[in-house]
Amino acid sequence: MKNLIKVERARHNLTQADLADKLGVSRQTIHAIEKNKFNPSVTLAIKMARFFNVTVEYLFDIED
């Protein structure tokens, strides 16, 4: 599953640690999601989308 977390993080001038703090997860979790090594839970995906004020569908692209 591709994602635009790194793009949105850069647009908001946030480090991985900053975003992790705001979402209540570890920096390693953000890193793993950005590198497509970990798919977030539905709850975390929704929290991320709400934080960036975008849709989950925009933030995460499910590949066929």
N, C-alpha and C. Protein backbone atom coordinates (compact mmCIF):
# COMPACT_ATOMS: atom_id res chain seq x y z
N MET A 1 0.85 -1.17 0.00
CA MET A 1 0.00 0.00 0.00
C MET A 1 0.90 1.23 0.00
N LYS A 2 0.81 2.03 -1.04
CA LYS A 2 1.57 3.27 -1.11
C LYS A 2 0.89 4.32 -0.25
N ASN A 3 1.68 5.29 0.20
CA ASN A 3 1.09 6.36 1.00
C ASN A 3 1.80 7.68 0.76
N LEU A 4 1.15 8.75 1.17
CA LEU A 4 1.69 10.10 1.01
C LEU A 4 2.02 10.74 2.37
N ILE A 5 2.33 9.92 3.35
CA ILE A 5 2.63 10.43 4.69
C ILE A 5 3.84 11.36 4.64
N LYS A 6 4.90 10.94 3.99
CA LYS A 6 6.12 11.75 3.94
C LYS A 6 5.85 13.08 3.24
N VAL A 7 5.07 13.06 2.17
CA VAL A 7 4.72 14.28 1.44
C VAL A 7 3.94 15.24 2.33
N GLU A 8 2.92 14.72 3.00
CA GLU A 8 2.11 15.57 3.88
C GLU A 8 2.91 16.06 5.07
N ARG A 9 3.78 15.23 5.58
CA ARG A 9 4.63 15.62 6.70
C ARG A 9 5.53 16.78 6.30
N ALA A 10 6.10 16.71 5.10
CA ALA A 10 6.96 17.78 4.60
C ALA A 10 6.15 19.07 4.38
N ARG A 11 4.94 18.93 3.86
CA ARG A 11 4.09 20.11 3.64
C ARG A 11 3.78 20.84 4.94
N HIS A 12 3.76 20.09 6.04
CA HIS A 12 3.45 20.67 7.35
C HIS A 12 4.71 20.92 8.19
N ASN A 13 5.88 20.77 7.56
CA ASN A 13 7.17 20.98 8.25
C ASN A 13 7.28 20.19 9.54
N LEU A 14 6.96 18.91 9.46
CA LEU A 14 7.03 18.05 10.63
C LEU A 14 8.10 16.98 10.44
N THR A 15 8.80 16.66 11.51
CA THR A 15 9.70 15.51 11.48
C THR A 15 8.87 14.27 11.78
N GLN A 16 9.49 13.12 11.59
CA GLN A 16 8.80 11.88 11.96
C GLN A 16 8.46 11.89 13.44
N ALA A 17 9.38 12.39 14.25
CA ALA A 17 9.15 12.44 15.70
C ALA A 17 8.00 13.38 16.04
N ASP A 18 7.94 14.53 15.36
CA ASP A 18 6.84 15.48 15.60
C ASP A 18 5.49 14.82 15.32
N LEU A 19 5.38 14.18 14.16
CA LEU A 19 4.13 13.54 13.78
C LEU A 19 3.79 12.41 14.75
N ALA A 20 4.79 11.63 15.10
CA ALA A 20 4.57 10.54 16.05
C ALA A 20 4.01 11.05 17.37
N ASP A 21 4.59 12.14 17.88
CA ASP A 21 4.11 12.73 19.13
C ASP A 21 2.66 13.17 19.03
N LYS A 22 2.33 13.79 17.91
CA LYS A 22 0.97 14.30 17.73
C LYS A 22 -0.06 13.17 17.58
N LEU A 23 0.39 12.02 17.08
CA LEU A 23 -0.53 10.89 16.88
C LEU A 23 -0.47 9.86 18.00
N GLY A 24 0.48 10.01 18.90
CA GLY A 24 0.60 9.08 20.02
C GLY A 24 1.19 7.74 19.65
N VAL A 25 2.13 7.76 18.68
CA VAL A 25 2.82 6.53 18.28
C VAL A 25 4.32 6.80 18.32
N SER A 26 5.12 5.79 18.03
CA SER A 26 6.57 5.98 18.03
C SER A 26 7.05 6.51 16.68
N ARG A 27 8.23 7.10 16.70
CA ARG A 27 8.84 7.56 15.46
C ARG A 27 9.09 6.39 14.53
N GLN A 28 9.44 5.25 15.11
CA GLN A 28 9.69 4.05 14.31
C GLN A 28 8.44 3.60 13.57
N THR A 29 7.28 3.80 14.17
CA THR A 29 6.02 3.46 13.51
C THR A 29 5.83 4.33 12.28
N ILE A 30 6.06 5.62 12.41
CA ILE A 30 5.92 6.54 11.28
C ILE A 30 6.91 6.14 10.18
N HIS A 31 8.14 5.87 10.56
CA HIS A 31 9.17 5.46 9.60
C HIS A 31 8.73 4.21 8.85
N ALA A 32 8.26 3.21 9.57
CA ALA A 32 7.86 1.94 8.95
C ALA A 32 6.68 2.14 7.99
N ILE A 33 5.74 2.99 8.37
CA ILE A 33 4.59 3.27 7.48
C ILE A 33 5.08 3.97 6.22
N GLU A 34 5.93 4.97 6.37
CA GLU A 34 6.44 5.70 5.21
C GLU A 34 7.20 4.80 4.25
N LYS A 35 7.91 3.81 4.78
CA LYS A 35 8.71 2.90 3.96
C LYS A 35 7.90 1.68 3.48
N ASN A 36 6.60 1.70 3.74
CA ASN A 36 5.70 0.60 3.33
C ASN A 36 6.08 -0.75 3.94
N LYS A 37 6.66 -0.70 5.14
CA LYS A 37 7.02 -1.92 5.86
C LYS A 37 5.95 -2.29 6.87
N PHE A 38 5.00 -1.37 7.09
CA PHE A 38 3.95 -1.58 8.08
C PHE A 38 2.70 -0.85 7.63
N ASN A 39 1.57 -1.55 7.64
CA ASN A 39 0.29 -0.91 7.33
C ASN A 39 -0.37 -0.51 8.65
N PRO A 40 -0.78 0.74 8.76
CA PRO A 40 -1.38 1.20 10.02
C PRO A 40 -2.75 0.57 10.24
N SER A 41 -3.17 0.56 11.47
CA SER A 41 -4.52 0.12 11.78
C SER A 41 -5.50 1.11 11.16
N VAL A 42 -6.73 0.70 11.04
CA VAL A 42 -7.76 1.60 10.51
C VAL A 42 -7.85 2.85 11.38
N THR A 43 -7.79 2.67 12.67
CA THR A 43 -7.87 3.81 13.60
C THR A 43 -6.73 4.79 13.36
N LEU A 44 -5.51 4.29 13.23
CA LEU A 44 -4.36 5.17 13.00
C LEU A 44 -4.45 5.84 11.63
N ALA A 45 -4.89 5.12 10.62
CA ALA A 45 -5.04 5.71 9.28
C ALA A 45 -6.04 6.86 9.31
N ILE A 46 -7.13 6.69 10.03
CA ILE A 46 -8.13 7.75 10.15
C ILE A 46 -7.56 8.94 10.92
N LYS A 47 -6.82 8.67 12.01
CA LYS A 47 -6.20 9.75 12.78
C LYS A 47 -5.25 10.56 11.92
N MET A 48 -4.47 9.86 11.08
CA MET A 48 -3.52 10.55 10.20
C MET A 48 -4.26 11.42 9.19
N ALA A 49 -5.28 10.86 8.58
CA ALA A 49 -6.05 11.61 7.58
C ALA A 49 -6.70 12.84 8.22
N ARG A 50 -7.27 12.68 9.39
CA ARG A 50 -7.89 13.82 10.07
C ARG A 50 -6.85 14.86 10.45
N PHE A 51 -5.69 14.41 10.90
CA PHE A 51 -4.63 15.34 11.28
C PHE A 51 -4.22 16.20 10.09
N PHE A 52 -4.06 15.58 8.92
CA PHE A 52 -3.65 16.31 7.72
C PHE A 52 -4.83 16.93 6.98
N ASN A 53 -6.04 16.69 7.46
CA ASN A 53 -7.26 17.23 6.85
C ASN A 53 -7.42 16.77 5.40
N VAL A 54 -7.19 15.47 5.19
CA VAL A 54 -7.36 14.85 3.88
C VAL A 54 -8.16 13.57 4.07
N THR A 55 -8.53 12.93 2.98
CA THR A 55 -9.24 11.65 3.08
C THR A 55 -8.23 10.52 3.25
N VAL A 56 -8.71 9.43 3.82
CA VAL A 56 -7.88 8.23 3.94
C VAL A 56 -7.49 7.75 2.55
N GLU A 57 -8.43 7.83 1.61
CA GLU A 57 -8.17 7.38 0.24
C GLU A 57 -7.05 8.18 -0.42
N TYR A 58 -6.97 9.48 -0.12
CA TYR A 58 -5.88 10.30 -0.66
C TYR A 58 -4.56 9.90 -0.03
N LEU A 59 -4.56 9.71 1.28
CA LEU A 59 -3.34 9.44 2.02
C LEU A 59 -2.76 8.06 1.73
N PHE A 60 -3.64 7.07 1.54
CA PHE A 60 -3.22 5.69 1.31
C PHE A 60 -3.81 5.17 0.01
N ASP A 61 -2.92 4.69 -0.87
CA ASP A 61 -3.35 4.15 -2.17
C ASP A 61 -3.18 2.64 -2.13
N ILE A 62 -4.30 1.95 -2.12
CA ILE A 62 -4.26 0.49 -2.11
C ILE A 62 -3.99 0.02 -3.53
N GLU A 63 -2.89 -0.68 -3.69
CA GLU A 63 -2.51 -1.19 -5.01
C GLU A 63 -3.29 -2.45 -5.31
N ASP A 64 -3.70 -2.59 -6.55
CA ASP A 64 -4.44 -3.80 -6.96
C ASP A 64 -3.53 -4.96 -7.17
